[in-house]
Amino acid sequence: MIRLKVYLINILLPVVFLGFAALEGHAQSRNSGKKSSEFWRDKVWFGGGFNLGFGSNFYNNLNSNIFGIGVSPMAGYKFSSWLSAGPRFSIDFTTAKFSDAQNVYRYTSVDYALGAFARAKFFQNFFVHTEYSQLNETYTTGLVINNELEKYREWRDILLLGLGYSSGGELSYEVYICYDFLEDPNSFNVPVVYRFGITYRF
């Protein structure tokens, strides 16, 4: 009888212990999952922009048709109710066709940028936006090879500071304008950047 009791104790205690350990682990897993979902809901927001453009022109005896499309996803971590920061990525595809009386010249490019931003909200619907990113941009030399405009690529630094407006709510639209402090003064690019997009839980 004593041996039976010892046997049962030796078997049952580990089983009971493992059972409680499994229940505790399950509870912790549920709590961890709950905390994880709360983290994503309360601390992280998502956003981005989408651009689409096309046009045609006649200049210097050349007809031109240009089409461009791009996306720019971003995600922010909320350090507080008014301050957030995170990464931003953009990619843009452009294709163009230039023609004169005898020839057609084609041009395609894929430009992309990767950077980080910070935002500070004020007056509920307004925010200050600052951003540093590096843009890999395509340029043309002006030479034509097999009816294709010759291209080369360069990295360019961008440092933005500006103001924006958000419509508010869980899913909202936003518009902001920034100035690029690293734009080359000898460049044809305008140092003012306009952006439109949507955000989720900003």
N, C-alpha and C. Protein backbone atom coordinates (compact mmCIF):
# COMPACT_ATOMS: atom_id res chain seq x y z
N MET A 1 0.83 -1.21 0.00
CA MET A 1 0.00 0.00 0.00
C MET A 1 0.86 1.26 0.00
N ILE A 2 1.90 1.20 0.81
CA ILE A 2 2.79 2.34 0.90
C ILE A 2 3.49 2.55 -0.45
N ARG A 3 3.93 1.40 -1.04
CA ARG A 3 4.58 1.48 -2.34
C ARG A 3 3.65 2.07 -3.40
N LEU A 4 2.36 1.69 -3.33
CA LEU A 4 1.38 2.21 -4.28
C LEU A 4 1.24 3.72 -4.11
N LYS A 5 1.18 4.18 -2.87
CA LYS A 5 1.06 5.62 -2.61
C LYS A 5 2.29 6.37 -3.14
N VAL A 6 3.47 5.80 -2.87
CA VAL A 6 4.70 6.44 -3.35
C VAL A 6 4.72 6.48 -4.87
N TYR A 7 4.26 5.37 -5.47
CA TYR A 7 4.21 5.29 -6.93
C TYR A 7 3.26 6.34 -7.50
N LEU A 8 2.08 6.45 -6.88
CA LEU A 8 1.10 7.44 -7.34
C LEU A 8 1.63 8.86 -7.17
N ILE A 9 2.31 9.09 -6.03
CA ILE A 9 2.86 10.42 -5.79
C ILE A 9 3.94 10.75 -6.82
N ASN A 10 4.78 9.75 -7.09
CA ASN A 10 5.85 9.96 -8.07
C ASN A 10 5.32 10.19 -9.48
N ILE A 11 4.16 9.63 -9.77
CA ILE A 11 3.57 9.81 -11.11
C ILE A 11 2.69 11.05 -11.17
N LEU A 12 1.82 11.18 -10.15
CA LEU A 12 0.83 12.25 -10.20
C LEU A 12 1.42 13.64 -10.01
N LEU A 13 2.39 13.75 -9.11
CA LEU A 13 2.95 15.08 -8.85
C LEU A 13 3.57 15.71 -10.10
N PRO A 14 4.42 14.95 -10.82
CA PRO A 14 4.94 15.54 -12.06
C PRO A 14 3.86 15.86 -13.08
N VAL A 15 2.84 14.98 -13.18
CA VAL A 15 1.76 15.24 -14.13
C VAL A 15 1.01 16.50 -13.75
N VAL A 16 0.67 16.62 -12.45
CA VAL A 16 -0.04 17.82 -11.98
C VAL A 16 0.82 19.06 -12.18
N PHE A 17 2.10 18.93 -11.87
CA PHE A 17 3.02 20.05 -12.03
C PHE A 17 3.10 20.49 -13.49
N LEU A 18 3.24 19.50 -14.36
CA LEU A 18 3.29 19.81 -15.79
C LEU A 18 1.98 20.41 -16.28
N GLY A 19 0.87 19.92 -15.71
CA GLY A 19 -0.43 20.47 -16.08
C GLY A 19 -0.55 21.93 -15.70
N PHE A 20 -0.15 22.25 -14.45
CA PHE A 20 -0.18 23.65 -14.02
C PHE A 20 0.78 24.52 -14.84
N ALA A 21 1.96 23.94 -15.15
CA ALA A 21 2.93 24.68 -15.95
C ALA A 21 2.36 24.96 -17.34
N ALA A 22 1.66 23.97 -17.92
CA ALA A 22 1.06 24.17 -19.24
C ALA A 22 -0.03 25.24 -19.19
N LEU A 23 -0.86 25.19 -18.13
CA LEU A 23 -1.90 26.21 -17.98
C LEU A 23 -1.31 27.60 -17.81
N GLU A 24 -0.26 27.67 -16.99
CA GLU A 24 0.40 28.95 -16.78
C GLU A 24 1.01 29.48 -18.07
N GLY A 25 1.64 28.55 -18.81
CA GLY A 25 2.23 28.95 -20.08
C GLY A 25 1.18 29.42 -21.06
N HIS A 26 0.02 28.72 -21.06
CA HIS A 26 -1.07 29.12 -21.95
C HIS A 26 -1.59 30.50 -21.57
N ALA A 27 -1.73 30.72 -20.25
CA ALA A 27 -2.22 32.02 -19.78
C ALA A 27 -1.24 33.12 -20.14
N GLN A 28 0.07 32.84 -19.95
CA GLN A 28 1.07 33.84 -20.30
C GLN A 28 1.08 34.10 -21.80
N SER A 29 0.88 33.03 -22.57
CA SER A 29 0.83 33.19 -24.02
C SER A 29 -0.35 34.06 -24.42
N ARG A 30 -1.50 33.84 -23.77
CA ARG A 30 -2.67 34.67 -24.08
C ARG A 30 -2.42 36.11 -23.68
N ASN A 31 -1.81 36.30 -22.48
CA ASN A 31 -1.51 37.66 -22.03
C ASN A 31 -0.49 38.32 -22.94
N SER A 32 0.50 37.51 -23.36
CA SER A 32 1.52 38.05 -24.26
C SER A 32 0.91 38.44 -25.59
N GLY A 33 0.01 37.58 -26.10
CA GLY A 33 -0.67 37.90 -27.34
C GLY A 33 -1.54 39.14 -27.20
N LYS A 34 -2.18 39.26 -26.04
CA LYS A 34 -3.02 40.43 -25.78
C LYS A 34 -2.17 41.69 -25.71
N LYS A 35 -1.02 41.58 -24.99
CA LYS A 35 -0.14 42.73 -24.88
C LYS A 35 0.43 43.10 -26.24
N SER A 36 0.74 42.08 -27.06
CA SER A 36 1.28 42.34 -28.39
C SER A 36 0.26 43.07 -29.25
N SER A 37 -1.00 42.61 -29.20
CA SER A 37 -2.05 43.27 -29.99
C SER A 37 -2.29 44.69 -29.48
N GLU A 38 -2.22 44.87 -28.12
CA GLU A 38 -2.38 46.21 -27.57
C GLU A 38 -1.24 47.12 -28.00
N PHE A 39 -0.02 46.54 -28.09
CA PHE A 39 1.15 47.31 -28.52
C PHE A 39 0.95 47.83 -29.93
N TRP A 40 0.53 46.94 -30.84
CA TRP A 40 0.34 47.34 -32.23
C TRP A 40 -0.79 48.34 -32.37
N ARG A 41 -1.82 48.19 -31.52
CA ARG A 41 -2.96 49.10 -31.60
C ARG A 41 -2.65 50.47 -31.01
N ASP A 42 -1.92 50.48 -29.89
CA ASP A 42 -1.72 51.73 -29.16
C ASP A 42 -0.43 52.46 -29.51
N LYS A 43 0.59 51.74 -29.94
CA LYS A 43 1.91 52.35 -30.10
C LYS A 43 2.35 52.54 -31.55
N VAL A 44 1.78 51.78 -32.47
CA VAL A 44 2.27 51.83 -33.85
C VAL A 44 1.16 52.32 -34.79
N TRP A 45 1.51 53.21 -35.69
CA TRP A 45 0.57 53.66 -36.72
C TRP A 45 1.22 53.48 -38.10
N PHE A 46 0.37 53.42 -39.10
CA PHE A 46 0.82 53.17 -40.47
C PHE A 46 0.28 54.25 -41.40
N GLY A 47 0.99 54.46 -42.48
CA GLY A 47 0.54 55.46 -43.44
C GLY A 47 1.27 55.30 -44.76
N GLY A 48 1.00 56.22 -45.65
CA GLY A 48 1.68 56.18 -46.93
C GLY A 48 0.98 57.02 -47.97
N GLY A 49 1.66 57.17 -49.08
CA GLY A 49 1.13 57.95 -50.18
C GLY A 49 1.17 57.16 -51.47
N PHE A 50 0.45 57.66 -52.44
CA PHE A 50 0.38 57.04 -53.77
C PHE A 50 0.35 58.16 -54.78
N ASN A 51 1.21 58.07 -55.78
CA ASN A 51 1.21 59.11 -56.81
C ASN A 51 1.07 58.50 -58.20
N LEU A 52 0.35 59.21 -59.02
CA LEU A 52 0.08 58.78 -60.38
C LEU A 52 0.06 60.02 -61.26
N GLY A 53 0.87 60.03 -62.29
CA GLY A 53 0.92 61.20 -63.15
C GLY A 53 1.21 60.84 -64.60
N PHE A 54 0.66 61.61 -65.49
CA PHE A 54 0.92 61.41 -66.92
C PHE A 54 0.68 62.74 -67.63
N GLY A 55 1.33 62.87 -68.75
CA GLY A 55 1.16 64.10 -69.51
C GLY A 55 1.89 64.04 -70.83
N SER A 56 1.62 65.00 -71.68
CA SER A 56 2.28 65.10 -72.97
C SER A 56 2.63 66.56 -73.22
N ASN A 57 3.68 66.74 -74.04
CA ASN A 57 4.15 68.10 -74.28
C ASN A 57 4.90 68.14 -75.61
N PHE A 58 5.02 69.33 -76.16
CA PHE A 58 5.83 69.53 -77.36
C PHE A 58 6.83 70.63 -77.05
N TYR A 59 8.13 70.27 -77.10
CA TYR A 59 9.16 71.24 -76.75
C TYR A 59 10.41 70.94 -77.56
N ASN A 60 11.01 71.98 -78.11
CA ASN A 60 12.27 71.86 -78.86
C ASN A 60 12.16 70.80 -79.98
N ASN A 61 11.05 70.87 -80.70
CA ASN A 61 10.76 69.96 -81.82
C ASN A 61 10.63 68.50 -81.40
N LEU A 62 10.31 68.25 -80.15
CA LEU A 62 10.11 66.89 -79.66
C LEU A 62 8.73 66.75 -79.03
N ASN A 63 8.01 65.70 -79.41
CA ASN A 63 6.80 65.32 -78.70
C ASN A 63 7.17 64.42 -77.53
N SER A 64 6.59 64.65 -76.39
CA SER A 64 6.91 63.82 -75.22
C SER A 64 5.63 63.31 -74.57
N ASN A 65 5.66 62.05 -74.15
CA ASN A 65 4.58 61.43 -73.38
C ASN A 65 5.21 60.76 -72.17
N ILE A 66 4.76 61.15 -71.00
CA ILE A 66 5.38 60.70 -69.75
C ILE A 66 4.31 60.09 -68.85
N PHE A 67 4.67 58.97 -68.23
CA PHE A 67 3.79 58.31 -67.27
C PHE A 67 4.60 57.93 -66.04
N GLY A 68 4.06 58.21 -64.86
CA GLY A 68 4.76 57.89 -63.62
C GLY A 68 3.81 57.36 -62.56
N ILE A 69 4.29 56.42 -61.75
CA ILE A 69 3.50 55.85 -60.67
C ILE A 69 4.44 55.52 -59.51
N GLY A 70 3.94 55.67 -58.28
CA GLY A 70 4.81 55.39 -57.13
C GLY A 70 4.02 55.21 -55.85
N VAL A 71 4.66 54.57 -54.88
CA VAL A 71 4.08 54.38 -53.55
C VAL A 71 5.13 54.74 -52.50
N SER A 72 4.65 55.11 -51.31
CA SER A 72 5.57 55.51 -50.24
C SER A 72 5.00 55.10 -48.87
N PRO A 73 5.19 53.83 -48.49
CA PRO A 73 4.70 53.38 -47.17
C PRO A 73 5.56 53.91 -46.03
N MET A 74 4.96 54.04 -44.86
CA MET A 74 5.66 54.51 -43.67
C MET A 74 5.00 53.92 -42.42
N ALA A 75 5.75 53.86 -41.33
CA ALA A 75 5.22 53.38 -40.06
C ALA A 75 5.85 54.18 -38.94
N GLY A 76 5.05 54.53 -37.95
CA GLY A 76 5.55 55.33 -36.84
C GLY A 76 5.31 54.69 -35.49
N TYR A 77 6.27 54.88 -34.59
CA TYR A 77 6.13 54.42 -33.20
C TYR A 77 5.81 55.63 -32.33
N LYS A 78 4.75 55.51 -31.51
CA LYS A 78 4.31 56.62 -30.66
C LYS A 78 5.07 56.62 -29.34
N PHE A 79 5.98 57.57 -29.19
CA PHE A 79 6.66 57.74 -27.92
C PHE A 79 5.74 58.39 -26.89
N SER A 80 4.80 59.16 -27.37
CA SER A 80 3.78 59.79 -26.52
C SER A 80 2.57 60.06 -27.40
N SER A 81 1.59 60.72 -26.85
CA SER A 81 0.38 61.01 -27.62
C SER A 81 0.64 62.02 -28.73
N TRP A 82 1.76 62.74 -28.64
CA TRP A 82 2.02 63.79 -29.63
C TRP A 82 3.31 63.60 -30.43
N LEU A 83 4.19 62.69 -29.98
CA LEU A 83 5.48 62.52 -30.64
C LEU A 83 5.63 61.10 -31.18
N SER A 84 6.03 60.97 -32.44
CA SER A 84 6.24 59.65 -33.05
C SER A 84 7.37 59.73 -34.06
N ALA A 85 7.93 58.56 -34.38
CA ALA A 85 9.03 58.49 -35.35
C ALA A 85 9.05 57.09 -35.95
N GLY A 86 9.70 56.98 -37.12
CA GLY A 86 9.77 55.67 -37.76
C GLY A 86 10.40 55.74 -39.13
N PRO A 87 10.37 54.62 -39.87
CA PRO A 87 10.96 54.57 -41.21
C PRO A 87 9.95 54.95 -42.30
N ARG A 88 10.51 55.37 -43.43
CA ARG A 88 9.69 55.66 -44.60
C ARG A 88 10.44 55.19 -45.84
N PHE A 89 9.71 54.58 -46.76
CA PHE A 89 10.29 54.06 -47.99
C PHE A 89 9.45 54.54 -49.17
N SER A 90 10.10 54.82 -50.27
CA SER A 90 9.36 55.21 -51.46
C SER A 90 9.99 54.59 -52.70
N ILE A 91 9.16 54.30 -53.67
CA ILE A 91 9.64 53.79 -54.96
C ILE A 91 8.76 54.38 -56.06
N ASP A 92 9.40 54.86 -57.11
CA ASP A 92 8.70 55.52 -58.20
C ASP A 92 9.18 54.97 -59.54
N PHE A 93 8.23 54.68 -60.40
CA PHE A 93 8.53 54.18 -61.74
C PHE A 93 8.08 55.22 -62.76
N THR A 94 8.96 55.53 -63.70
CA THR A 94 8.65 56.52 -64.74
C THR A 94 9.01 55.94 -66.10
N THR A 95 8.14 56.13 -67.05
CA THR A 95 8.44 55.76 -68.43
C THR A 95 8.04 56.93 -69.34
N ALA A 96 8.85 57.15 -70.35
CA ALA A 96 8.60 58.29 -71.23
C ALA A 96 8.98 57.93 -72.66
N LYS A 97 8.36 58.65 -73.59
CA LYS A 97 8.65 58.46 -75.01
C LYS A 97 8.78 59.85 -75.64
N PHE A 98 9.89 60.07 -76.31
CA PHE A 98 10.15 61.32 -77.01
C PHE A 98 10.30 61.01 -78.50
N SER A 99 9.70 61.84 -79.32
CA SER A 99 9.74 61.57 -80.76
C SER A 99 9.89 62.87 -81.55
N ASP A 100 10.62 62.77 -82.67
CA ASP A 100 10.68 63.86 -83.63
C ASP A 100 10.16 63.33 -84.97
N ALA A 101 10.51 63.98 -86.04
CA ALA A 101 9.97 63.59 -87.35
C ALA A 101 10.48 62.23 -87.80
N GLN A 102 11.67 61.82 -87.34
CA GLN A 102 12.25 60.57 -87.83
C GLN A 102 12.34 59.47 -86.77
N ASN A 103 12.55 59.82 -85.51
CA ASN A 103 12.91 58.82 -84.50
C ASN A 103 12.03 58.91 -83.26
N VAL A 104 12.04 57.79 -82.53
CA VAL A 104 11.38 57.70 -81.22
C VAL A 104 12.43 57.31 -80.19
N TYR A 105 12.48 58.06 -79.09
CA TYR A 105 13.46 57.80 -78.03
C TYR A 105 12.70 57.42 -76.76
N ARG A 106 13.15 56.35 -76.11
CA ARG A 106 12.46 55.86 -74.91
C ARG A 106 13.32 56.08 -73.67
N TYR A 107 12.61 56.21 -72.56
CA TYR A 107 13.30 56.42 -71.27
C TYR A 107 12.48 55.76 -70.16
N THR A 108 13.13 54.97 -69.34
CA THR A 108 12.47 54.37 -68.17
C THR A 108 13.39 54.51 -66.97
N SER A 109 12.79 54.64 -65.78
CA SER A 109 13.60 54.76 -64.57
C SER A 109 12.82 54.23 -63.38
N VAL A 110 13.56 53.75 -62.39
CA VAL A 110 13.01 53.36 -61.10
C VAL A 110 13.84 54.06 -60.03
N ASP A 111 13.23 54.98 -59.32
CA ASP A 111 13.90 55.71 -58.25
C ASP A 111 13.36 55.24 -56.91
N TYR A 112 14.23 55.14 -55.92
CA TYR A 112 13.78 54.69 -54.60
C TYR A 112 14.53 55.43 -53.51
N ALA A 113 13.88 55.53 -52.35
CA ALA A 113 14.45 56.26 -51.21
C ALA A 113 14.13 55.52 -49.92
N LEU A 114 15.04 55.62 -48.98
CA LEU A 114 14.86 55.02 -47.66
C LEU A 114 15.33 56.02 -46.62
N GLY A 115 14.49 56.24 -45.60
CA GLY A 115 14.85 57.23 -44.60
C GLY A 115 14.07 57.05 -43.31
N ALA A 116 14.21 58.05 -42.45
CA ALA A 116 13.52 58.05 -41.15
C ALA A 116 12.90 59.42 -40.93
N PHE A 117 11.78 59.43 -40.22
CA PHE A 117 11.06 60.68 -39.97
C PHE A 117 10.68 60.79 -38.50
N ALA A 118 10.33 61.99 -38.12
CA ALA A 118 9.77 62.25 -36.79
C ALA A 118 8.64 63.26 -36.94
N ARG A 119 7.61 63.10 -36.09
CA ARG A 119 6.46 64.00 -36.15
C ARG A 119 6.06 64.43 -34.75
N ALA A 120 5.61 65.67 -34.67
CA ALA A 120 5.09 66.21 -33.42
C ALA A 120 3.73 66.84 -33.70
N LYS A 121 2.71 66.31 -33.04
CA LYS A 121 1.35 66.85 -33.20
C LYS A 121 1.15 68.10 -32.36
N PHE A 122 0.31 68.99 -32.85
CA PHE A 122 -0.12 70.13 -32.05
C PHE A 122 -1.50 70.56 -32.53
N PHE A 123 -2.27 71.14 -31.65
CA PHE A 123 -3.65 71.54 -31.96
C PHE A 123 -4.46 70.40 -32.55
N GLN A 124 -4.17 69.18 -32.16
CA GLN A 124 -4.93 67.97 -32.48
C GLN A 124 -4.79 67.52 -33.94
N ASN A 125 -5.00 68.41 -34.90
CA ASN A 125 -5.01 68.00 -36.31
C ASN A 125 -3.79 68.46 -37.11
N PHE A 126 -2.88 69.17 -36.48
CA PHE A 126 -1.71 69.67 -37.19
C PHE A 126 -0.45 68.99 -36.66
N PHE A 127 0.58 68.96 -37.49
CA PHE A 127 1.82 68.32 -37.07
C PHE A 127 3.02 68.94 -37.77
N VAL A 128 4.16 68.84 -37.10
CA VAL A 128 5.45 69.21 -37.68
C VAL A 128 6.10 67.91 -38.16
N HIS A 129 6.59 67.93 -39.37
CA HIS A 129 7.22 66.74 -39.97
C HIS A 129 8.66 67.05 -40.32
N THR A 130 9.59 66.21 -39.84
CA THR A 130 10.99 66.31 -40.25
C THR A 130 11.46 64.93 -40.71
N GLU A 131 12.35 64.91 -41.69
CA GLU A 131 12.73 63.63 -42.30
C GLU A 131 14.11 63.73 -42.94
N TYR A 132 14.87 62.67 -42.76
CA TYR A 132 16.14 62.52 -43.49
C TYR A 132 16.06 61.23 -44.29
N SER A 133 16.40 61.30 -45.56
CA SER A 133 16.39 60.10 -46.40
C SER A 133 17.46 60.21 -47.47
N GLN A 134 17.77 59.06 -48.04
CA GLN A 134 18.69 59.00 -49.17
C GLN A 134 17.91 58.49 -50.38
N LEU A 135 18.02 59.24 -51.47
CA LEU A 135 17.27 58.94 -52.69
C LEU A 135 18.25 58.47 -53.76
N ASN A 136 17.96 57.30 -54.34
CA ASN A 136 18.71 56.81 -55.48
C ASN A 136 17.94 57.20 -56.73
N GLU A 137 18.48 58.16 -57.46
CA GLU A 137 17.75 58.80 -58.54
C GLU A 137 18.41 58.54 -59.89
N THR A 138 17.59 58.48 -60.93
CA THR A 138 18.06 58.24 -62.29
C THR A 138 18.16 59.55 -63.06
N TYR A 139 19.25 59.70 -63.79
CA TYR A 139 19.46 60.87 -64.65
C TYR A 139 19.80 60.40 -66.05
N THR A 140 19.62 61.27 -67.02
CA THR A 140 19.99 60.95 -68.40
C THR A 140 21.17 61.80 -68.84
N THR A 141 22.04 61.20 -69.63
CA THR A 141 23.20 61.93 -70.16
C THR A 141 22.85 62.73 -71.40
N GLY A 142 21.70 62.42 -71.99
CA GLY A 142 21.31 63.08 -73.24
C GLY A 142 21.72 62.29 -74.46
N LEU A 143 22.57 61.29 -74.28
CA LEU A 143 22.98 60.44 -75.40
C LEU A 143 21.92 59.37 -75.66
N VAL A 144 21.85 58.91 -76.90
CA VAL A 144 20.87 57.90 -77.29
C VAL A 144 21.61 56.65 -77.77
N ILE A 145 21.25 55.50 -77.18
CA ILE A 145 21.82 54.22 -77.58
C ILE A 145 20.67 53.28 -77.93
N ASN A 146 20.61 52.87 -79.20
CA ASN A 146 19.53 52.00 -79.68
C ASN A 146 18.15 52.58 -79.34
N ASN A 147 17.99 53.85 -79.64
CA ASN A 147 16.72 54.58 -79.40
C ASN A 147 16.35 54.67 -77.92
N GLU A 148 17.29 54.39 -77.03
CA GLU A 148 17.05 54.49 -75.59
C GLU A 148 17.97 55.57 -75.03
N LEU A 149 17.40 56.48 -74.24
CA LEU A 149 18.21 57.52 -73.63
C LEU A 149 19.15 56.90 -72.60
N GLU A 150 20.42 57.22 -72.68
CA GLU A 150 21.41 56.67 -71.75
C GLU A 150 21.18 57.26 -70.35
N LYS A 151 21.34 56.41 -69.34
CA LYS A 151 21.06 56.82 -67.96
C LYS A 151 22.24 56.53 -67.05
N TYR A 152 22.24 57.24 -65.93
CA TYR A 152 23.15 56.93 -64.84
C TYR A 152 22.43 57.22 -63.53
N ARG A 153 22.95 56.66 -62.43
CA ARG A 153 22.27 56.79 -61.13
C ARG A 153 23.17 57.51 -60.14
N GLU A 154 22.52 58.24 -59.22
CA GLU A 154 23.24 58.93 -58.15
C GLU A 154 22.42 58.89 -56.87
N TRP A 155 23.14 58.84 -55.75
CA TRP A 155 22.48 58.97 -54.44
C TRP A 155 22.41 60.45 -54.08
N ARG A 156 21.29 60.83 -53.51
CA ARG A 156 21.10 62.22 -53.09
C ARG A 156 20.50 62.26 -51.69
N ASP A 157 21.05 63.12 -50.84
CA ASP A 157 20.54 63.28 -49.47
C ASP A 157 19.39 64.28 -49.46
N ILE A 158 18.39 63.97 -48.64
CA ILE A 158 17.22 64.84 -48.51
C ILE A 158 16.98 65.11 -47.03
N LEU A 159 16.82 66.36 -46.67
CA LEU A 159 16.50 66.75 -45.29
C LEU A 159 15.30 67.69 -45.32
N LEU A 160 14.16 67.18 -44.85
CA LEU A 160 12.90 67.92 -44.94
C LEU A 160 12.46 68.44 -43.58
N LEU A 161 11.81 69.57 -43.62
CA LEU A 161 11.15 70.13 -42.44
C LEU A 161 9.92 70.88 -42.93
N GLY A 162 8.76 70.57 -42.31
CA GLY A 162 7.56 71.24 -42.76
C GLY A 162 6.38 71.04 -41.84
N LEU A 163 5.23 71.48 -42.31
CA LEU A 163 3.98 71.43 -41.55
C LEU A 163 2.94 70.62 -42.31
N GLY A 164 2.04 69.98 -41.53
CA GLY A 164 1.00 69.18 -42.17
C GLY A 164 -0.30 69.24 -41.43
N TYR A 165 -1.33 68.75 -42.10
CA TYR A 165 -2.68 68.68 -41.54
C TYR A 165 -3.21 67.26 -41.70
N SER A 166 -3.81 66.71 -40.64
CA SER A 166 -4.45 65.40 -40.67
C SER A 166 -5.93 65.57 -40.34
N SER A 167 -6.76 64.84 -41.08
CA SER A 167 -8.21 64.98 -40.87
C SER A 167 -8.67 64.39 -39.54
N GLY A 168 -7.83 63.54 -38.91
CA GLY A 168 -8.20 62.95 -37.62
C GLY A 168 -9.02 61.69 -37.79
N GLY A 169 -9.16 60.95 -36.70
CA GLY A 169 -9.89 59.69 -36.76
C GLY A 169 -8.94 58.53 -36.97
N GLU A 170 -9.50 57.30 -36.88
CA GLU A 170 -8.68 56.10 -37.01
C GLU A 170 -8.06 56.00 -38.40
N LEU A 171 -8.87 56.22 -39.43
CA LEU A 171 -8.37 56.25 -40.80
C LEU A 171 -8.55 57.66 -41.33
N SER A 172 -7.45 58.32 -41.68
CA SER A 172 -7.55 59.73 -42.05
C SER A 172 -6.66 60.04 -43.24
N TYR A 173 -6.94 61.16 -43.85
CA TYR A 173 -6.08 61.64 -44.92
C TYR A 173 -5.20 62.75 -44.36
N GLU A 174 -4.10 63.00 -45.04
CA GLU A 174 -3.20 64.05 -44.60
C GLU A 174 -2.58 64.75 -45.79
N VAL A 175 -2.17 65.98 -45.56
CA VAL A 175 -1.46 66.76 -46.55
C VAL A 175 -0.40 67.56 -45.81
N TYR A 176 0.81 67.59 -46.38
CA TYR A 176 1.86 68.38 -45.75
C TYR A 176 2.83 68.93 -46.78
N ILE A 177 3.47 70.02 -46.40
CA ILE A 177 4.42 70.70 -47.27
C ILE A 177 5.73 70.84 -46.52
N CYS A 178 6.84 70.52 -47.20
CA CYS A 178 8.15 70.54 -46.56
C CYS A 178 9.16 71.27 -47.44
N TYR A 179 10.22 71.72 -46.79
CA TYR A 179 11.33 72.34 -47.51
C TYR A 179 12.55 71.44 -47.40
N ASP A 180 13.21 71.20 -48.53
CA ASP A 180 14.41 70.36 -48.56
C ASP A 180 15.65 71.24 -48.38
N PHE A 181 16.27 71.15 -47.21
CA PHE A 181 17.42 71.99 -46.90
C PHE A 181 18.71 71.52 -47.58
N LEU A 182 18.71 70.32 -48.16
CA LEU A 182 19.90 69.80 -48.82
C LEU A 182 19.81 69.85 -50.34
N GLU A 183 18.79 70.48 -50.86
CA GLU A 183 18.66 70.59 -52.31
C GLU A 183 19.77 71.48 -52.87
N ASP A 184 20.38 71.01 -53.96
CA ASP A 184 21.45 71.76 -54.61
C ASP A 184 20.87 73.05 -55.20
N PRO A 185 21.40 74.21 -54.81
CA PRO A 185 20.86 75.48 -55.34
C PRO A 185 21.03 75.62 -56.84
N ASN A 186 21.97 74.84 -57.43
CA ASN A 186 22.17 74.89 -58.88
C ASN A 186 21.30 73.90 -59.63
N SER A 187 20.50 73.12 -58.89
CA SER A 187 19.64 72.12 -59.52
C SER A 187 18.37 72.76 -60.05
N PHE A 188 17.76 72.08 -61.03
CA PHE A 188 16.47 72.53 -61.55
C PHE A 188 15.32 72.11 -60.63
N ASN A 189 15.60 71.24 -59.66
CA ASN A 189 14.55 70.78 -58.74
C ASN A 189 14.11 71.91 -57.81
N VAL A 190 12.82 71.96 -57.55
CA VAL A 190 12.28 72.92 -56.60
C VAL A 190 12.44 72.33 -55.19
N PRO A 191 12.99 73.08 -54.22
CA PRO A 191 13.23 72.52 -52.89
C PRO A 191 11.97 72.36 -52.02
N VAL A 192 10.81 72.68 -52.57
CA VAL A 192 9.55 72.55 -51.82
C VAL A 192 8.87 71.24 -52.23
N VAL A 193 8.49 70.45 -51.23
CA VAL A 193 7.89 69.13 -51.47
C VAL A 193 6.47 69.12 -50.94
N TYR A 194 5.51 68.74 -51.80
CA TYR A 194 4.11 68.59 -51.40
C TYR A 194 3.79 67.09 -51.34
N ARG A 195 3.10 66.69 -50.27
CA ARG A 195 2.73 65.28 -50.14
C ARG A 195 1.30 65.14 -49.67
N PHE A 196 0.65 64.10 -50.21
CA PHE A 196 -0.70 63.72 -49.81
C PHE A 196 -0.68 62.23 -49.47
N GLY A 197 -1.48 61.82 -48.50
CA GLY A 197 -1.49 60.40 -48.15
C GLY A 197 -2.60 60.07 -47.18
N ILE A 198 -2.56 58.84 -46.69
CA ILE A 198 -3.53 58.39 -45.68
C ILE A 198 -2.75 57.79 -44.50
N THR A 199 -3.37 57.79 -43.35
CA THR A 199 -2.76 57.18 -42.16
C THR A 199 -3.80 56.36 -41.42
N TYR A 200 -3.30 55.39 -40.66
CA TYR A 200 -4.16 54.53 -39.86
C TYR A 200 -3.68 54.56 -38.41
N ARG A 201 -4.52 55.07 -37.53
CA ARG A 201 -4.24 55.21 -36.10
C ARG A 201 -3.11 56.20 -35.80
N PHE A 202 -2.96 57.23 -36.65
CA PHE A 202 -1.94 58.25 -36.40
C PHE A 202 -2.35 59.11 -35.20
